[in-house]
Every structure is written in structure tokens, then in C-alpha cells.
Protein backbone atom coordinates (compact mmCIF):
# COMPACT_ATOMS: atom_id res chain seq x y z
CA UNK A 1 60.54 -144.72 194.63
CA UNK A 2 58.72 -141.46 195.00
CA UNK A 3 56.96 -139.76 192.13
CA UNK A 4 56.89 -135.96 191.73
CA UNK A 5 53.49 -134.68 192.70
CA UNK A 6 51.32 -133.36 189.91
CA UNK A 7 48.37 -131.00 190.07
CA UNK A 8 45.12 -132.87 189.84
CA UNK A 9 42.59 -131.96 187.13
CA UNK A 10 40.11 -129.39 188.40
CA UNK A 11 36.66 -130.57 189.31
CA UNK A 12 34.25 -129.90 186.44
CA UNK A 13 31.32 -127.57 186.85
CA UNK A 14 27.97 -129.18 186.31
CA UNK A 15 27.33 -127.43 182.97
CA UNK A 16 30.77 -127.88 181.40
CA UNK A 17 30.94 -131.61 180.76
CA UNK A 18 29.99 -131.20 177.10
CA UNK A 19 32.00 -128.08 176.32
CA UNK A 20 35.16 -129.09 174.47
CA UNK A 21 36.68 -125.63 174.58
CA UNK A 22 36.39 -125.46 178.36
CA UNK A 23 38.07 -128.83 178.77
CA UNK A 24 40.80 -127.91 176.28
CA UNK A 25 41.82 -124.89 178.35
CA UNK A 26 41.56 -126.92 181.55
CA UNK A 27 44.02 -129.39 180.05
CA UNK A 28 46.33 -126.56 179.01
CA UNK A 29 46.23 -125.17 182.54
CA UNK A 30 46.98 -128.61 184.01
CA UNK A 31 50.15 -128.70 181.87
CA UNK A 32 51.74 -126.27 184.33
CA UNK A 33 53.26 -129.11 186.35
CA UNK A 34 56.51 -130.63 187.54
CA UNK A 35 56.53 -133.33 184.81
CA UNK A 36 56.27 -130.66 182.10
CA UNK A 37 59.11 -128.66 183.65
CA UNK A 38 61.30 -131.77 183.86
CA UNK A 39 60.59 -132.60 180.23
CA UNK A 40 61.39 -129.02 179.24
CA UNK A 41 64.70 -129.23 181.09
CA UNK A 42 65.55 -132.39 179.17
CA UNK A 43 64.87 -130.67 175.85
CA UNK A 44 67.08 -127.81 176.96
CA UNK A 45 69.82 -130.39 177.34
CA UNK A 46 68.96 -131.79 173.91
CA UNK A 47 69.33 -128.34 172.37
CA UNK A 48 72.97 -128.43 173.42
CA UNK A 49 73.39 -131.87 171.87
CA UNK A 50 71.77 -130.73 168.63
CA UNK A 51 74.01 -127.68 168.36
CA UNK A 52 77.15 -129.69 169.08
CA UNK A 53 76.04 -132.19 166.41
CA UNK A 54 75.91 -129.45 163.80
CA UNK A 55 72.13 -129.26 163.40
CA UNK A 56 70.65 -125.91 162.51
CA UNK A 57 68.00 -124.18 164.58
CA UNK A 58 65.35 -125.00 161.95
CA UNK A 59 66.27 -128.70 161.94
CA UNK A 60 66.26 -128.85 165.74
CA UNK A 61 62.84 -127.20 165.98
CA UNK A 62 61.42 -129.34 163.17
CA UNK A 63 62.37 -132.56 164.97
CA UNK A 64 61.08 -131.19 168.27
CA UNK A 65 57.70 -130.32 166.77
CA UNK A 66 57.14 -133.25 164.43
CA UNK A 67 58.89 -136.18 166.12
CA UNK A 68 58.18 -134.98 169.67
CA UNK A 69 59.29 -138.12 171.59
CA UNK A 70 62.76 -137.31 172.96
CA UNK A 71 64.36 -140.80 172.60
CA UNK A 72 63.33 -140.90 168.94
CA UNK A 73 64.72 -137.40 168.39
CA UNK A 74 68.06 -138.42 169.91
CA UNK A 75 68.19 -141.52 167.69
CA UNK A 76 67.40 -139.42 164.60
CA UNK A 77 70.05 -136.87 165.57
CA UNK A 78 72.64 -139.59 165.91
CA UNK A 79 71.65 -141.07 162.55
CA UNK A 80 71.94 -137.69 160.81
CA UNK A 81 75.32 -136.83 162.30
CA UNK A 82 76.79 -140.26 161.56
CA UNK A 83 75.86 -140.08 157.88
CA UNK A 84 73.44 -143.01 158.10
CA UNK A 85 71.21 -143.55 155.08
CA UNK A 86 67.51 -142.75 155.01
CA UNK A 87 66.28 -146.33 155.32
CA UNK A 88 68.55 -147.34 158.23
CA UNK A 89 67.72 -144.08 160.00
CA UNK A 90 63.99 -144.63 159.51
CA UNK A 91 64.30 -148.20 160.82
CA UNK A 92 66.23 -147.02 163.90
CA UNK A 93 63.66 -144.34 164.68
CA UNK A 94 60.82 -146.83 164.16
CA UNK A 95 62.40 -149.20 166.69
CA UNK A 96 62.75 -146.34 169.16
CA UNK A 97 59.13 -145.30 168.63
CA UNK A 98 57.40 -148.69 168.54
CA UNK A 99 57.04 -148.52 172.33
CA UNK A 100 54.47 -145.75 171.80
CA UNK A 101 52.08 -148.01 169.85
CA UNK A 102 50.76 -150.05 172.82
CA UNK A 103 50.56 -146.84 174.85
CA UNK A 104 48.41 -145.26 172.13
CA UNK A 105 46.22 -148.36 171.87
CA UNK A 106 45.64 -148.27 175.63
CA UNK A 107 44.79 -144.56 175.60
CA UNK A 108 42.41 -144.38 172.62
CA UNK A 109 39.50 -146.31 174.23
CA UNK A 110 39.81 -144.02 177.22
CA UNK A 111 39.31 -140.79 175.25
CA UNK A 112 37.02 -142.04 172.49
CA UNK A 113 33.28 -141.43 172.74
CA UNK A 114 31.51 -144.06 170.58
CA UNK A 115 29.48 -142.42 167.83
CA UNK A 116 30.87 -138.93 168.49
CA UNK A 117 34.64 -138.96 168.26
CA UNK A 118 35.99 -138.72 164.72
CA UNK A 119 39.07 -140.48 163.40
CA UNK A 120 40.96 -137.26 162.68
CA UNK A 121 40.49 -136.17 166.28
CA UNK A 122 42.10 -139.38 167.51
CA UNK A 123 44.97 -138.90 165.05
CA UNK A 124 45.59 -135.41 166.42
CA UNK A 125 45.55 -136.75 169.98
CA UNK A 126 47.92 -139.59 169.10
CA UNK A 127 50.63 -137.09 168.14
CA UNK A 128 50.91 -136.02 171.78
CA UNK A 129 51.31 -139.57 173.11
CA UNK A 130 54.63 -139.70 174.93
CA UNK A 131 55.55 -141.01 178.36
CA UNK A 132 54.88 -137.73 180.20
CA UNK A 133 51.43 -137.15 178.69
CA UNK A 134 50.50 -140.84 178.75
CA UNK A 135 51.30 -141.33 182.43
CA UNK A 136 49.37 -138.18 183.34
CA UNK A 137 46.41 -139.21 181.18
CA UNK A 138 46.15 -142.76 182.48
CA UNK A 139 46.29 -141.48 186.04
CA UNK A 140 43.80 -138.60 185.76
CA UNK A 141 41.50 -139.01 182.74
CA UNK A 142 39.34 -141.77 184.27
CA UNK A 143 38.13 -139.21 186.83
CA UNK A 144 36.84 -136.86 184.09
CA UNK A 145 33.57 -137.04 182.13
CA UNK A 146 33.85 -139.09 178.95
CA UNK A 147 33.13 -136.07 176.72
CA UNK A 148 35.85 -133.99 178.35
CA UNK A 149 38.74 -136.45 178.16
CA UNK A 150 39.76 -135.93 174.52
CA UNK A 151 39.84 -132.10 174.58
CA UNK A 152 41.52 -132.17 178.00
CA UNK A 153 44.27 -134.47 176.74
CA UNK A 154 44.78 -132.46 173.54
CA UNK A 155 44.96 -129.25 175.56
CA UNK A 156 47.50 -130.79 177.92
CA UNK A 157 49.63 -132.17 175.09
CA UNK A 158 49.45 -129.00 172.98
CA UNK A 159 50.45 -126.81 175.91
CA UNK A 160 53.38 -129.01 176.90
CA UNK A 161 54.67 -129.44 173.34
CA UNK A 162 54.25 -125.74 172.56
CA UNK A 163 56.16 -124.65 175.64
CA UNK A 164 58.89 -127.24 175.02
CA UNK A 165 59.15 -126.09 171.39
CA UNK A 166 59.73 -122.46 172.40
CA UNK A 167 62.18 -123.30 175.18
CA UNK A 168 64.18 -125.59 172.89
CA UNK A 169 64.64 -122.72 170.43
CA UNK A 170 65.69 -120.33 173.20
CA UNK A 171 68.09 -122.88 174.66
CA UNK A 172 69.63 -123.53 171.23
CA UNK A 173 70.49 -119.85 170.93
CA UNK A 174 71.80 -119.50 174.49
CA UNK A 175 73.44 -122.92 174.92
CA UNK A 176 76.94 -121.52 174.40
CA UNK A 177 76.61 -119.78 177.75
CA UNK A 178 75.59 -122.99 179.55
CA UNK A 179 78.25 -125.21 181.18
CA UNK A 180 78.40 -128.65 179.48
CA UNK A 181 77.91 -130.40 182.81
CA UNK A 182 74.65 -128.52 183.41
CA UNK A 183 73.34 -129.33 179.92
CA UNK A 184 74.14 -133.02 180.40
CA UNK A 185 72.47 -133.10 183.81
CA UNK A 186 69.31 -131.52 182.39
CA UNK A 187 69.26 -134.09 179.61
CA UNK A 188 69.33 -136.95 182.14
CA UNK A 189 66.40 -135.59 184.14
CA UNK A 190 63.83 -137.08 181.77
CA UNK A 191 64.83 -140.78 182.04
CA UNK A 192 64.99 -140.43 185.82
CA UNK A 193 61.51 -138.91 185.90
CA UNK A 194 60.17 -141.53 183.47
CA UNK A 195 61.43 -144.30 185.72
CA UNK A 196 59.85 -142.79 188.83
CA UNK A 197 56.56 -141.99 187.08
CA UNK A 198 56.16 -145.41 185.48
CA UNK A 199 56.88 -147.08 188.80
CA UNK A 200 54.27 -144.95 190.55
CA UNK A 201 51.68 -145.51 187.80
CA UNK A 202 52.25 -149.28 187.64
CA UNK A 203 49.23 -151.09 189.05
CA UNK A 204 50.16 -154.67 188.17
CA UNK A 205 52.91 -156.74 189.71
CA UNK A 206 54.05 -157.72 186.22
CA UNK A 207 54.70 -154.06 185.36
CA UNK A 208 57.01 -153.55 188.32
CA UNK A 209 58.69 -156.90 187.73
CA UNK A 210 59.38 -155.91 184.12
CA UNK A 211 60.95 -152.63 185.25
CA UNK A 212 63.20 -154.40 187.74
CA UNK A 213 64.22 -156.98 185.13
CA UNK A 214 65.00 -154.18 182.68
CA UNK A 215 67.19 -152.37 185.19
CA UNK A 216 69.14 -155.56 185.84
CA UNK A 217 69.44 -156.76 182.24
CA UNK A 218 70.06 -153.36 180.65
CA UNK A 219 73.75 -153.08 181.62
CA UNK A 220 74.30 -156.74 180.71
CA UNK A 221 72.99 -156.38 177.15
CA UNK A 222 74.77 -153.02 176.80
CA UNK A 223 78.05 -154.92 177.18
CA UNK A 224 77.08 -158.07 175.27
CA UNK A 225 75.00 -156.60 172.42
CA UNK A 226 75.79 -152.91 171.97
CA UNK A 227 73.38 -151.27 169.57
CA UNK A 228 70.66 -153.84 170.21
CA UNK A 229 70.75 -153.62 174.00
CA UNK A 230 67.40 -151.83 174.41
CA UNK A 231 65.60 -154.25 172.10
CA UNK A 232 66.91 -157.37 173.85
CA UNK A 233 66.45 -155.83 177.29
CA UNK A 234 62.77 -155.23 176.52
CA UNK A 235 62.21 -158.68 175.05
CA UNK A 236 64.08 -160.61 177.73
CA UNK A 237 62.96 -158.45 180.66
CA UNK A 238 59.30 -158.48 179.65
CA UNK A 239 59.32 -162.23 179.04
CA UNK A 240 61.00 -162.99 182.36
CA UNK A 241 58.62 -160.70 184.23
CA UNK A 242 55.58 -162.35 182.61
CA UNK A 243 56.79 -165.87 183.39
CA UNK A 244 57.84 -165.00 186.94
CA UNK A 245 54.54 -163.34 187.85
CA UNK A 246 52.54 -166.16 186.25
CA UNK A 247 54.43 -168.79 188.23
CA UNK A 248 54.01 -166.73 191.41
CA UNK A 249 50.25 -166.45 190.91
CA UNK A 250 49.92 -170.19 190.29
CA UNK A 251 51.89 -170.96 193.44
CA UNK A 252 49.62 -168.73 195.49
CA UNK A 253 46.43 -170.18 194.04
């Protein structure tokens, strides 16, 4: 698999390592990238789904800005249009979003400066944790000074989410002029990019084994356990990948 090339973070000047504002704007500038454009295209496709589902422009923009993660937004949209109650909808969205918790836990030590970083700053940064921003951060932040990582990540996330927010609103208004096939194709760009990016960012054999197991088991559980297919695919695929790589390492040693 090939991963779309991304612009690398600019090399810091010698006197800018402690300037949060400089790193914030550097992160915002780095957001002009292929991953951000692909994510924007996916949200353009979602705007068509939201309009067809009967959501208003305000509701669509509110979910885009506050929920942010596209899979969770799609789950919430489906829950609202199907008349699902508040508690079942909240549970469904929580299941779709729980994947972001280990990603956030892995990112926070990378951007936190002991004794300097405040809790509210980490909470702000955690809002922008999604696959696109997380993959970019884990790949590029280790090359930056410790003091510049948090503002750089926040700048990157704020720029991407702000641009996506505006383009989603524009697409919602203009979606009637877009062929349905084009809107659906744009919507599918994001999972394809996520798959390629995660494969390229995977550094452990277990990570790649889990992805392969998920691709194989996903269609199986979709047929056997519709509605719970993603949950069981993750549990079974991750467990099989862990056991397989552990047995392989023991055999080699």
C-alpha cells in the first residue's frame, strides 16, 4: 500500500522553539496537505447525506464542529433519523468513539511538557484527535522540539477542522447540484485514506496483522452479526493478531 505524501513540518529556527504562537501558525500552515483535502472531500459527501436525512444546516454544522470524528457523526445522524432515543444514540456514538481513547492516551505524553503544560491545554488538544490528525502527529511531532509540539498540533487541528467546517456548510447548500454518485465517492475517500495511512504509519508487526485480520473478518461479521460487526471485528481481529505475532516471535526466538 502506498500512502499519500504529506508536507513535512518546517525546520524550526534556532530562536523559535519556545514561541507557542510561531508553532501554532506553523501547524496551521502544515494543514495544507493531501490528508486534509481528502478529509474535506469526505465531509462534502457527508453534507449530502445530512441533507438527504432531513438535518438542517445548523444541525449539520453543530455535529461537524462539536463531534468532529466522521464515523461518530455518521452514527449520530443515523440515530437521529431513525428516531432512536437519547440513551441508545449516546451509547452507539460512544462505541464509535471509544477507538479515539487509546489514540489520545498515546498522543498526550508526546505533546505534554512536564511542569509546564496545563490540563485545559491538553483538553483543547484532545478535541482534535481523529485519525487524520493523529497519524500526522505521531509521524511528525517527534522531530519537533518538546515545547513546540502542543501548539503545532493545536494549530494543525484547528486549521483542518475550521476548513472542513466551512466546506461542509458550503457543500450542504450546493449539494443539490452534485450528482449522487460523486457525493458517495467523496464520502468513501476517507476510509480508503485511513486504511493507507494507518498501514504506512504502523511500525509493529502486530499492527499490520490486526489490520489484515480486520479486513478478512469484517465482511464475515457483517453477515453474521449485523449491527455489532465492527465491535466483534475489532475484538476478534485484535486478539488473533496479538496471539499470532506472539507465537511467531516465540518460534523465532
